[in-house]
């Protein structure tokens, strides 16, 4: 699994906005019991806060609201899907792990938006 450095909040938000086109796509071809990607979200970088974020996301079904509780400085961009059998069973990969598992690089999937 590839290690990566955390993002600053604005960088994470920008990357997340550029990856919304992944929603509805395959989460992991090697995991047929997992549904399509339902969310690309900015989340806390560290594992403990990421787990808390996922719990909040599961309860409110809103990634922005789930992130409101976190006031740290280190962020990640994660891909979220859920089990087809147990809808309360969320799975997530950070963006770089997801890219690695799908043999992609960031430039393959990023929507490039013109600056306004």
Protein backbone atom coordinates (compact mmCIF):
# COMPACT_ATOMS: atom_id res chain seq x y z
CA UNK A 1 0.00 0.00 0.00
CA UNK A 2 1.41 3.34 -1.02
CA UNK A 3 2.08 5.87 1.73
CA UNK A 4 1.33 9.47 0.95
CA UNK A 5 1.57 12.77 2.68
CA UNK A 6 -1.50 14.58 4.04
CA UNK A 7 -3.15 17.48 2.26
CA UNK A 8 -3.85 20.97 3.51
CA UNK A 9 -7.61 21.61 3.63
CA UNK A 10 -7.77 23.78 0.49
CA UNK A 11 -5.71 21.29 -1.54
CA UNK A 12 -7.91 18.42 -0.38
CA UNK A 13 -11.08 20.37 -1.28
CA UNK A 14 -9.72 21.18 -4.76
CA UNK A 15 -8.71 17.58 -5.46
CA UNK A 16 -12.03 16.31 -4.13
CA UNK A 17 -13.95 18.71 -6.43
CA UNK A 18 -11.92 17.44 -9.39
CA UNK A 19 -12.78 13.81 -8.61
CA UNK A 20 -16.59 13.98 -8.31
CA UNK A 21 -16.82 12.27 -11.71
CA UNK A 22 -15.75 9.00 -10.00
CA UNK A 23 -19.12 8.71 -8.20
CA UNK A 24 -21.08 5.78 -9.59
CA UNK A 25 -17.94 4.03 -10.84
CA UNK A 26 -16.39 0.79 -9.59
CA UNK A 27 -14.91 0.87 -6.11
CA UNK A 28 -12.70 -2.20 -6.45
CA UNK A 29 -13.03 -4.80 -9.22
CA UNK A 30 -11.59 -7.40 -6.81
CA UNK A 31 -14.48 -6.83 -4.38
CA UNK A 32 -17.73 -7.74 -6.18
CA UNK A 33 -19.78 -7.53 -2.95
CA UNK A 34 -19.07 -3.80 -2.70
CA UNK A 35 -21.35 -1.36 -4.51
CA UNK A 36 -20.32 1.55 -6.70
CA UNK A 37 -18.51 4.62 -5.39
CA UNK A 38 -21.07 6.73 -3.54
CA UNK A 39 -18.87 9.56 -2.32
CA UNK A 40 -15.51 11.22 -2.87
CA UNK A 41 -14.85 13.20 0.29
CA UNK A 42 -12.37 15.28 2.21
CA UNK A 43 -11.66 13.43 5.46
CA UNK A 44 -9.21 13.65 8.35
CA UNK A 45 -5.82 12.11 7.53
CA UNK A 46 -5.20 10.15 10.73
CA UNK A 47 -6.89 6.80 11.25
CA UNK A 48 -8.73 7.60 14.50
CA UNK A 49 -10.34 10.78 13.16
CA UNK A 50 -11.03 9.09 9.82
CA UNK A 51 -12.99 6.37 11.65
CA UNK A 52 -14.95 9.08 13.51
CA UNK A 53 -15.61 10.85 10.20
CA UNK A 54 -16.94 7.63 8.64
CA UNK A 55 -19.24 7.07 11.60
CA UNK A 56 -20.61 10.61 11.25
CA UNK A 57 -20.96 10.08 7.50
CA UNK A 58 -22.88 6.85 8.08
CA UNK A 59 -25.25 8.63 10.48
CA UNK A 60 -25.89 11.82 8.49
CA UNK A 61 -25.13 10.66 4.91
CA UNK A 62 -23.39 13.99 4.30
CA UNK A 63 -19.60 14.23 3.96
CA UNK A 64 -19.55 18.00 4.58
CA UNK A 65 -21.49 17.67 7.84
CA UNK A 66 -19.39 14.68 8.88
CA UNK A 67 -16.22 16.77 8.52
CA UNK A 68 -17.54 19.67 10.64
CA UNK A 69 -16.50 17.92 13.87
CA UNK A 70 -12.85 17.76 12.80
CA UNK A 71 -10.63 20.77 13.40
CA UNK A 72 -7.21 19.33 12.61
CA UNK A 73 -4.72 20.46 9.98
CA UNK A 74 -4.07 17.21 8.07
CA UNK A 75 -6.56 15.99 5.51
CA UNK A 76 -7.03 13.18 3.03
CA UNK A 77 -9.28 12.56 0.03
CA UNK A 78 -11.14 9.27 0.32
CA UNK A 79 -13.33 7.14 -1.91
CA UNK A 80 -16.38 5.68 -0.09
CA UNK A 81 -18.60 2.77 -1.08
CA UNK A 82 -20.76 0.35 0.85
CA UNK A 83 -21.40 -3.35 1.03
CA UNK A 84 -24.19 -4.62 -1.21
CA UNK A 85 -25.23 -7.03 1.57
CA UNK A 86 -25.02 -4.80 4.66
CA UNK A 87 -25.80 -1.17 3.80
CA UNK A 88 -24.34 0.08 7.09
CA UNK A 89 -20.96 -1.46 6.19
CA UNK A 90 -18.88 1.33 4.64
CA UNK A 91 -15.55 0.78 2.95
CA UNK A 92 -13.06 3.44 2.01
CA UNK A 93 -9.71 3.88 0.35
CA UNK A 94 -7.62 6.99 0.35
CA UNK A 95 -7.34 8.32 -3.20
CA UNK A 96 -3.83 6.95 -3.78
CA UNK A 97 -4.71 3.44 -2.60
CA UNK A 98 -7.81 3.50 -4.82
CA UNK A 99 -5.73 4.61 -7.82
CA UNK A 100 -3.17 1.88 -7.14
CA UNK A 101 -5.84 -0.85 -6.85
CA UNK A 102 -7.39 0.28 -10.13
CA UNK A 103 -4.03 0.69 -11.94
CA UNK A 104 -4.64 4.37 -12.54
CA UNK A 105 -2.82 7.63 -11.94
CA UNK A 106 -4.39 10.89 -10.82
CA UNK A 107 -4.27 12.48 -14.27
CA UNK A 108 -6.39 9.57 -15.63
CA UNK A 109 -9.37 10.42 -13.45
CA UNK A 110 -9.14 14.08 -12.56
CA UNK A 111 -11.61 16.49 -14.14
CA UNK A 112 -9.72 19.60 -15.03
CA UNK A 113 -11.78 22.68 -14.32
CA UNK A 114 -10.93 26.07 -15.67
CA UNK A 115 -10.25 28.61 -12.94
CA UNK A 116 -13.01 31.15 -12.68
